[in-house]
Amino acid sequence: MEETPNLHADILDTLKEKSVMKQKVYDNTFAALNITKQALFDLSKDLNEELTNVDNRVSLEYKDQGLFEAQLKIAGDLLIFSMHSNVFEFNRENTIWKIPYVQQNKWNSYCGIISIYNFLSDSFKYLREEDLGYLVARIFINQENHFLVEGKRQFGFLYNNFGKDIISKEIIKQIIMNSIQYTLEFDLLVPPYDNVKIASVGQMNHKIVSSRIQTGKRLGFAFNSDDVSTGS
């Protein structure tokens, strides 16, 4: 069965426009991640030099975790920068669709994502797989290297010009610094007594090896919508 001329043309148009656009988004996001890795390495080196005479446990440690991920250990905290390998479009309820820049060209709404998570470094050191981590921010980058940041309020106020601002090493460095500051101010709270008042023998035995009792900076804490801001 032969394909109709219109279907054939539609497939070609989609490959020429949409697929090419997505490749540009991927390339831009991957380039931004590599800039992020270099910025993390440089920042950890610079800050460690200034912490020379401080307790050696209070330091920064950078690790490249492969193609799509990097980690920055900050004393007892761990920031994970993770790029998703796919490209996404915002849902129709998102306020990004109110921006003229997106209204004028729908392809500009497609973005790659770099997510920044905060974990306790002990969660990985002691293999506490039930421990909790929190999303600090997400960086969205499109085909033209325009970006926005979704996350805690300090990010939204700083990066809210999607369609105007271009991602750069300096901006990425500032995002990293904001993430570090937020992480250091986001403290570990004592879990509610009723959440930990009963433990099994198995949990105690396992805890000797992996400290399994669930730990997180906000046990039972939820990321409320009014505590999150987007750059749109």
Protein backbone atom coordinates (compact mmCIF):
# COMPACT_ATOMS: atom_id res chain seq x y z
CA MET A 1 0.00 0.00 0.00
CA GLU A 2 1.45 3.33 -1.06
CA GLU A 3 1.50 6.22 1.36
CA THR A 4 -0.48 9.30 0.43
CA PRO A 5 1.55 12.26 -0.84
CA ASN A 6 0.29 14.41 2.05
CA LEU A 7 1.37 11.91 4.69
CA HIS A 8 4.76 11.55 3.03
CA ALA A 9 5.20 15.32 3.04
CA ASP A 10 4.04 15.60 6.66
CA ILE A 11 6.61 13.04 7.79
CA LEU A 12 9.37 14.88 5.95
CA ASP A 13 8.29 18.23 7.41
CA THR A 14 8.23 16.79 10.92
CA LEU A 15 11.71 15.34 10.51
CA LYS A 16 13.06 18.57 9.03
CA GLU A 17 11.51 20.86 11.66
CA LYS A 18 10.56 19.12 14.87
CA SER A 19 13.26 16.45 14.97
CA VAL A 20 16.01 18.90 14.01
CA MET A 21 14.73 21.32 16.67
CA LYS A 22 14.87 18.58 19.32
CA GLN A 23 18.45 17.78 18.38
CA LYS A 24 19.36 21.44 18.88
CA VAL A 25 17.66 21.40 22.30
CA TYR A 26 19.56 18.26 23.28
CA ASP A 27 22.88 19.71 22.11
CA ASN A 28 22.31 22.97 24.00
CA THR A 29 21.31 21.19 27.19
CA PHE A 30 24.25 18.79 26.99
CA ALA A 31 26.62 21.71 26.41
CA ALA A 32 25.13 23.47 29.46
CA LEU A 33 25.68 20.36 31.57
CA ASN A 34 29.33 20.23 30.54
CA ILE A 35 29.70 23.91 31.42
CA THR A 36 28.07 23.05 34.76
CA LYS A 37 30.60 20.28 35.36
CA GLN A 38 33.51 22.63 34.72
CA ALA A 39 31.95 25.32 36.93
CA LEU A 40 31.47 22.78 39.75
CA PHE A 41 35.09 21.65 39.46
CA ASP A 42 36.41 25.23 39.46
CA LEU A 43 34.17 26.33 42.32
CA SER A 44 35.08 23.38 44.54
CA LYS A 45 38.78 24.03 43.92
CA ASP A 46 38.48 27.76 44.69
CA LEU A 47 36.41 27.33 47.85
CA ASN A 48 38.62 24.53 49.16
CA GLU A 49 41.67 26.80 48.85
CA GLU A 50 39.91 29.30 51.10
CA LEU A 51 39.00 26.54 53.58
CA THR A 52 42.59 25.31 53.97
CA ASN A 53 42.85 26.17 57.67
CA VAL A 54 39.35 24.99 58.53
CA ASP A 55 38.29 21.50 59.68
CA ASN A 56 39.18 19.21 56.76
CA ARG A 57 35.73 17.62 56.97
CA VAL A 58 34.27 20.95 55.92
CA SER A 59 35.19 20.86 52.26
CA LEU A 60 33.78 20.44 48.77
CA GLU A 61 34.29 17.39 46.60
CA TYR A 62 33.36 17.27 42.92
CA LYS A 63 32.66 14.03 41.05
CA ASP A 64 31.82 13.50 37.40
CA GLN A 65 29.25 10.70 37.42
CA GLY A 66 29.20 9.98 33.71
CA LEU A 67 27.56 11.39 30.62
CA PHE A 68 24.50 12.98 32.23
CA GLU A 69 25.33 13.56 35.89
CA ALA A 70 27.70 15.33 38.28
CA GLN A 71 27.87 15.57 42.07
CA LEU A 72 29.11 18.19 44.47
CA LYS A 73 29.62 17.12 48.09
CA ILE A 74 29.44 20.09 50.46
CA ALA A 75 30.41 18.94 53.96
CA GLY A 76 27.43 16.77 54.97
CA ASP A 77 25.33 17.58 51.90
CA LEU A 78 25.29 16.33 48.34
CA LEU A 79 24.04 18.22 45.29
CA ILE A 80 23.32 16.09 42.23
CA PHE A 81 23.09 17.76 38.80
CA SER A 82 21.28 15.42 36.44
CA MET A 83 20.37 15.95 32.79
CA HIS A 84 17.46 14.06 31.25
CA SER A 85 18.36 12.63 27.85
CA ASN A 86 14.96 13.49 26.35
CA VAL A 87 13.31 16.75 25.29
CA PHE A 88 10.04 17.95 26.83
CA GLU A 89 7.19 20.31 26.04
CA PHE A 90 5.27 22.20 28.73
CA ASN A 91 1.65 21.28 29.34
CA ARG A 92 -0.99 23.69 28.11
CA GLU A 93 -1.79 24.97 31.61
CA ASN A 94 1.75 26.26 32.13
CA THR A 95 2.14 30.04 32.18
CA ILE A 96 4.96 29.77 29.64
CA TRP A 97 2.29 29.79 26.90
CA LYS A 98 1.42 33.38 27.82
CA ILE A 99 4.87 34.60 26.80
CA PRO A 100 4.90 36.21 23.30
CA TYR A 101 8.24 34.54 22.59
CA VAL A 102 6.55 31.13 22.80
CA GLN A 103 3.31 32.24 21.18
CA GLN A 104 5.22 33.41 18.12
CA ASN A 105 7.03 30.10 17.67
CA LYS A 106 5.71 26.93 19.32
CA TRP A 107 9.06 25.17 18.88
CA ASN A 108 10.53 27.53 21.47
CA SER A 109 8.50 25.79 24.19
CA TYR A 110 10.47 22.55 23.83
CA CYS A 111 13.21 22.26 26.45
CA GLY A 112 15.87 19.99 27.83
CA ILE A 113 16.05 19.69 31.61
CA ILE A 114 18.90 19.74 34.12
CA SER A 115 17.60 18.89 37.60
CA ILE A 116 19.38 19.76 40.85
CA TYR A 117 18.72 17.48 43.83
CA ASN A 118 19.84 17.80 47.44
CA PHE A 119 20.62 14.67 49.46
CA LEU A 120 22.52 13.99 52.65
CA SER A 121 25.98 12.72 51.72
CA ASP A 122 25.66 10.01 54.41
CA SER A 123 22.65 8.62 52.53
CA PHE A 124 25.02 7.49 49.77
CA LYS A 125 28.00 6.75 52.02
CA TYR A 126 26.00 4.28 54.12
CA LEU A 127 23.73 3.08 51.28
CA ARG A 128 20.55 4.28 52.99
CA GLU A 129 18.31 3.62 50.03
CA GLU A 130 15.16 4.74 51.86
CA ASP A 131 16.52 8.23 52.56
CA LEU A 132 14.90 11.22 50.92
CA GLY A 133 16.27 13.83 48.57
CA TYR A 134 14.67 17.08 47.42
CA LEU A 135 14.49 18.85 44.10
CA VAL A 136 16.15 22.24 44.56
CA ALA A 137 15.65 23.49 41.00
CA ARG A 138 15.19 22.57 37.35
CA ILE A 139 16.88 24.39 34.49
CA PHE A 140 14.99 24.40 31.18
CA ILE A 141 16.94 25.17 27.98
CA ASN A 142 15.47 25.51 24.49
CA GLN A 143 16.74 25.43 20.89
CA GLU A 144 17.94 29.05 21.05
CA ASN A 145 19.74 28.61 24.37
CA HIS A 146 17.09 30.63 26.17
CA PHE A 147 16.34 29.28 29.61
CA LEU A 148 14.20 29.49 32.70
CA VAL A 149 14.58 28.06 36.19
CA GLU A 150 11.85 26.41 38.22
CA GLY A 151 12.51 25.99 41.90
CA LYS A 152 12.60 27.71 45.23
CA ARG A 153 11.60 31.35 45.18
CA GLN A 154 15.10 32.83 44.95
CA PHE A 155 15.53 31.14 41.57
CA GLY A 156 12.26 32.40 40.12
CA PHE A 157 13.01 36.00 40.96
CA LEU A 158 16.46 35.84 39.40
CA TYR A 159 15.67 33.94 36.21
CA ASN A 160 12.29 34.94 34.82
CA ASN A 161 13.08 36.27 31.34
CA PHE A 162 12.48 33.26 29.11
CA GLY A 163 13.06 34.34 25.55
CA LYS A 164 15.48 37.09 26.56
CA ASP A 165 18.18 35.58 28.77
CA ILE A 166 20.76 33.24 27.25
CA ILE A 167 22.32 30.46 29.33
CA SER A 168 26.01 31.11 30.01
CA LYS A 169 28.85 30.00 32.26
CA GLU A 170 28.34 33.01 34.51
CA ILE A 171 24.62 32.31 34.92
CA ILE A 172 25.27 28.63 35.57
CA LYS A 173 27.81 29.55 38.23
CA GLN A 174 25.23 31.81 39.89
CA ILE A 175 22.64 29.01 39.82
CA ILE A 176 25.16 26.67 41.46
CA MET A 177 25.96 29.26 44.16
CA ASN A 178 22.25 29.76 44.87
CA SER A 179 21.81 25.99 45.11
CA ILE A 180 24.70 25.71 47.57
CA GLN A 181 23.40 28.54 49.71
CA TYR A 182 19.91 27.07 49.78
CA THR A 183 21.29 23.63 50.64
CA LEU A 184 23.37 24.95 53.54
CA GLU A 185 20.35 26.77 54.96
CA PHE A 186 18.01 23.77 54.51
CA ASP A 187 18.58 21.94 57.79
CA LEU A 188 17.97 18.40 58.94
CA LEU A 189 15.03 18.30 61.34
CA VAL A 190 14.34 15.79 64.09
CA PRO A 191 11.66 13.39 62.78
CA PRO A 192 8.35 13.31 64.67
CA TYR A 193 8.52 10.93 67.64
CA ASP A 194 5.57 8.86 66.43
CA ASN A 195 7.35 8.21 63.13
CA VAL A 196 10.30 6.47 64.80
CA LYS A 197 8.93 5.16 68.12
CA ILE A 198 8.73 1.57 66.84
CA ALA A 199 11.54 -0.30 65.12
CA SER A 200 11.92 -3.96 64.25
CA VAL A 201 14.85 -6.21 65.09
CA GLY A 202 15.51 -6.45 61.37
CA GLN A 203 15.72 -2.67 61.07
CA MET A 204 18.19 -2.48 63.95
CA ASN A 205 20.35 -5.28 62.55
CA HIS A 206 20.30 -3.72 59.10
CA LYS A 207 21.01 -0.29 60.56
CA ILE A 208 24.38 -1.54 61.81
CA VAL A 209 25.39 -1.93 58.18
CA SER A 210 23.44 0.73 56.35
CA SER A 211 21.73 3.03 58.90
CA ARG A 212 18.45 2.20 57.22
CA ILE A 213 16.00 4.28 59.29
CA GLN A 214 14.69 6.78 56.78
CA THR A 215 16.33 10.18 56.96
CA GLY A 216 15.62 13.38 55.08
CA LYS A 217 15.95 17.07 55.73
CA ARG A 218 12.19 17.36 56.04
CA LEU A 219 10.68 14.03 57.04
CA GLY A 220 7.07 14.31 55.95
CA PHE A 221 7.75 17.67 54.31
CA ALA A 222 6.06 18.31 50.96
CA PHE A 223 7.11 20.76 48.26
CA ASN A 224 4.02 23.01 48.35
CA SER A 225 3.08 24.75 45.12
CA ASP A 226 3.18 28.15 46.80
CA ASP A 227 6.77 27.53 47.82
CA VAL A 228 7.93 26.91 44.28
CA SER A 229 8.49 29.53 41.64
CA THR A 230 9.02 29.25 37.92
CA GLY A 231 10.89 31.60 35.68
CA SER A 232 7.81 32.01 33.47
